[in-house]
Amino acid sequence: MAKQDQENRSIDEIENQRSRGISREFWGFVRENKKYWLLPLVFTLLLLGSLIVFAGSSAAPFIYTLF
């Protein structure tokens, strides 16, 4: 019976890990490995990526006035 409970727990843990979002997964990695220097890098990449996406949209004239 104990083996059955252990298998059920491991299955539940796997399902919980699958349902975690990429941001929570990344935060867990950063926190566990103490790689806090990655946060500004990822933030900058996301900012540049969103700028590229919005540059091709109707918001482009408003973005270009910022520079």
N, C-alpha and C. Protein backbone atom coordinates (compact mmCIF):
# COMPACT_ATOMS: atom_id res chain seq x y z
N MET A 1 0.81 -1.19 0.00
CA MET A 1 0.00 0.00 0.00
C MET A 1 0.86 1.26 0.00
N ALA A 2 1.98 1.23 0.70
CA ALA A 2 2.84 2.41 0.77
C ALA A 2 3.45 2.70 -0.60
N LYS A 3 3.76 1.65 -1.36
CA LYS A 3 4.32 1.86 -2.69
C LYS A 3 3.30 2.53 -3.60
N GLN A 4 2.04 2.16 -3.48
CA GLN A 4 0.97 2.78 -4.26
C GLN A 4 0.87 4.27 -3.95
N ASP A 5 0.94 4.62 -2.66
CA ASP A 5 0.88 6.03 -2.27
C ASP A 5 2.07 6.80 -2.80
N GLN A 6 3.24 6.16 -2.77
CA GLN A 6 4.45 6.82 -3.28
C GLN A 6 4.35 7.05 -4.78
N GLU A 7 3.82 6.09 -5.52
CA GLU A 7 3.65 6.26 -6.96
C GLU A 7 2.63 7.36 -7.25
N ASN A 8 1.54 7.40 -6.48
CA ASN A 8 0.54 8.44 -6.68
C ASN A 8 1.12 9.82 -6.39
N ARG A 9 1.95 9.92 -5.35
CA ARG A 9 2.56 11.20 -5.03
C ARG A 9 3.50 11.65 -6.13
N SER A 10 4.29 10.72 -6.67
CA SER A 10 5.22 11.11 -7.72
C SER A 10 4.47 11.52 -8.99
N ILE A 11 3.37 10.87 -9.29
CA ILE A 11 2.56 11.24 -10.45
C ILE A 11 1.98 12.63 -10.24
N ASP A 12 1.49 12.90 -9.01
CA ASP A 12 0.94 14.23 -8.71
C ASP A 12 2.02 15.30 -8.83
N GLU A 13 3.23 15.01 -8.37
CA GLU A 13 4.32 15.98 -8.48
C GLU A 13 4.65 16.27 -9.94
N ILE A 14 4.66 15.23 -10.76
CA ILE A 14 4.94 15.42 -12.19
C ILE A 14 3.86 16.27 -12.83
N GLU A 15 2.60 16.01 -12.51
CA GLU A 15 1.51 16.81 -13.07
C GLU A 15 1.58 18.26 -12.61
N ASN A 16 1.96 18.48 -11.35
CA ASN A 16 2.10 19.85 -10.85
C ASN A 16 3.23 20.58 -11.56
N GLN A 17 4.31 19.89 -11.84
CA GLN A 17 5.42 20.52 -12.54
C GLN A 17 5.04 20.86 -13.97
N ARG A 18 4.25 20.03 -14.60
CA ARG A 18 3.82 20.31 -15.97
C ARG A 18 2.90 21.51 -16.04
N SER A 19 2.10 21.70 -15.01
CA SER A 19 1.12 22.79 -15.04
C SER A 19 1.74 24.14 -14.68
N ARG A 20 2.99 24.15 -14.23
CA ARG A 20 3.63 25.42 -13.91
C ARG A 20 3.93 26.19 -15.18
N GLY A 21 3.79 27.48 -15.10
CA GLY A 21 4.08 28.33 -16.25
C GLY A 21 5.58 28.52 -16.41
N ILE A 22 5.94 29.04 -17.56
CA ILE A 22 7.37 29.23 -17.84
C ILE A 22 7.99 30.28 -16.93
N SER A 23 7.20 31.29 -16.54
CA SER A 23 7.74 32.31 -15.66
C SER A 23 8.01 31.75 -14.26
N ARG A 24 7.12 30.91 -13.77
CA ARG A 24 7.35 30.29 -12.46
C ARG A 24 8.51 29.31 -12.52
N GLU A 25 8.62 28.61 -13.62
CA GLU A 25 9.72 27.67 -13.81
C GLU A 25 11.06 28.43 -13.82
N PHE A 26 11.08 29.54 -14.54
CA PHE A 26 12.30 30.34 -14.62
C PHE A 26 12.65 30.93 -13.25
N TRP A 27 11.65 31.43 -12.55
CA TRP A 27 11.90 32.00 -11.23
C TRP A 27 12.44 30.93 -10.27
N GLY A 28 11.90 29.72 -10.34
CA GLY A 28 12.40 28.63 -9.52
C GLY A 28 13.86 28.31 -9.83
N PHE A 29 14.20 28.32 -11.11
CA PHE A 29 15.59 28.08 -11.52
C PHE A 29 16.51 29.16 -11.00
N VAL A 30 16.09 30.42 -11.16
CA VAL A 30 16.93 31.55 -10.73
C VAL A 30 17.14 31.51 -9.22
N ARG A 31 16.07 31.26 -8.50
CA ARG A 31 16.15 31.25 -7.04
C ARG A 31 16.98 30.09 -6.52
N GLU A 32 16.81 28.92 -7.12
CA GLU A 32 17.51 27.74 -6.64
C GLU A 32 19.00 27.81 -6.94
N ASN A 33 19.36 28.31 -8.12
CA ASN A 33 20.76 28.36 -8.52
C ASN A 33 21.44 29.69 -8.25
N LYS A 34 20.71 30.61 -7.63
CA LYS A 34 21.25 31.93 -7.27
C LYS A 34 21.85 32.65 -8.47
N LYS A 35 21.12 32.67 -9.56
CA LYS A 35 21.56 33.34 -10.79
C LYS A 35 20.70 34.57 -11.02
N TYR A 36 20.73 35.48 -10.06
CA TYR A 36 19.89 36.67 -10.13
C TYR A 36 20.33 37.63 -11.23
N TRP A 37 21.54 37.48 -11.71
CA TRP A 37 22.02 38.34 -12.79
C TRP A 37 21.28 38.09 -14.09
N LEU A 38 20.55 36.98 -14.19
CA LEU A 38 19.78 36.69 -15.40
C LEU A 38 18.51 37.54 -15.51
N LEU A 39 18.01 38.03 -14.39
CA LEU A 39 16.74 38.77 -14.41
C LEU A 39 16.81 40.04 -15.25
N PRO A 40 17.82 40.92 -15.09
CA PRO A 40 17.86 42.11 -15.95
C PRO A 40 18.04 41.75 -17.43
N LEU A 41 18.78 40.70 -17.69
CA LEU A 41 19.01 40.27 -19.07
C LEU A 41 17.70 39.83 -19.72
N VAL A 42 16.94 39.02 -19.03
CA VAL A 42 15.66 38.54 -19.56
C VAL A 42 14.67 39.70 -19.69
N PHE A 43 14.65 40.59 -18.70
CA PHE A 43 13.76 41.74 -18.77
C PHE A 43 14.08 42.61 -19.98
N THR A 44 15.36 42.84 -20.25
CA THR A 44 15.77 43.64 -21.40
C THR A 44 15.39 42.96 -22.71
N LEU A 45 15.57 41.66 -22.78
CA LEU A 45 15.19 40.93 -23.99
C LEU A 45 13.68 40.99 -24.23
N LEU A 46 12.90 40.87 -23.17
CA LEU A 46 11.45 40.97 -23.31
C LEU A 46 11.04 42.38 -23.75
N LEU A 47 11.70 43.37 -23.21
CA LEU A 47 11.40 44.75 -23.58
C LEU A 47 11.72 45.01 -25.06
N LEU A 48 12.87 44.54 -25.51
CA LEU A 48 13.24 44.71 -26.92
C LEU A 48 12.31 43.92 -27.83
N GLY A 49 11.94 42.72 -27.41
CA GLY A 49 11.01 41.91 -28.20
C GLY A 49 9.66 42.57 -28.34
N SER A 50 9.16 43.14 -27.25
CA SER A 50 7.87 43.83 -27.34
C SER A 50 7.98 45.08 -28.20
N LEU A 51 9.11 45.75 -28.16
CA LEU A 51 9.32 46.92 -29.02
C LEU A 51 9.29 46.53 -30.49
N ILE A 52 9.90 45.40 -30.82
CA ILE A 52 9.89 44.93 -32.21
C ILE A 52 8.48 44.55 -32.65
N VAL A 53 7.73 43.91 -31.76
CA VAL A 53 6.37 43.51 -32.10
C VAL A 53 5.49 44.74 -32.33
N PHE A 54 5.60 45.72 -31.44
CA PHE A 54 4.77 46.91 -31.57
C PHE A 54 5.23 47.84 -32.69
N ALA A 55 6.47 47.70 -33.13
CA ALA A 55 6.97 48.54 -34.22
C ALA A 55 6.26 48.18 -35.54
N GLY A 56 5.79 46.98 -35.66
CA GLY A 56 5.09 46.56 -36.88
C GLY A 56 3.59 46.74 -36.80
N SER A 57 3.12 47.36 -35.75
CA SER A 57 1.67 47.52 -35.59
C SER A 57 1.27 48.99 -35.76
N SER A 58 0.03 49.27 -35.45
CA SER A 58 -0.45 50.64 -35.58
C SER A 58 0.07 51.54 -34.46
N ALA A 59 0.73 50.97 -33.47
CA ALA A 59 1.30 51.76 -32.38
C ALA A 59 2.68 52.31 -32.74
N ALA A 60 3.16 52.01 -33.92
CA ALA A 60 4.51 52.43 -34.34
C ALA A 60 4.73 53.94 -34.26
N PRO A 61 3.83 54.77 -34.72
CA PRO A 61 4.08 56.23 -34.63
C PRO A 61 4.27 56.70 -33.18
N PHE A 62 3.59 56.07 -32.26
CA PHE A 62 3.71 56.47 -30.84
C PHE A 62 5.04 56.00 -30.26
N ILE A 63 5.52 54.84 -30.70
CA ILE A 63 6.79 54.32 -30.21
C ILE A 63 7.93 55.15 -30.76
N TYR A 64 7.86 55.54 -32.00
CA TYR A 64 8.96 56.29 -32.61
C TYR A 64 9.11 57.68 -32.00
N THR A 65 8.04 58.22 -31.43
CA THR A 65 8.17 59.53 -30.80
C THR A 65 8.95 59.46 -29.48
N LEU A 66 9.09 58.26 -28.92
CA LEU A 66 9.85 58.10 -27.68
C LEU A 66 11.35 58.24 -27.92
N PHE A 67 11.78 57.99 -29.14
CA PHE A 67 13.21 58.02 -29.44
C PHE A 67 13.51 59.23 -30.20
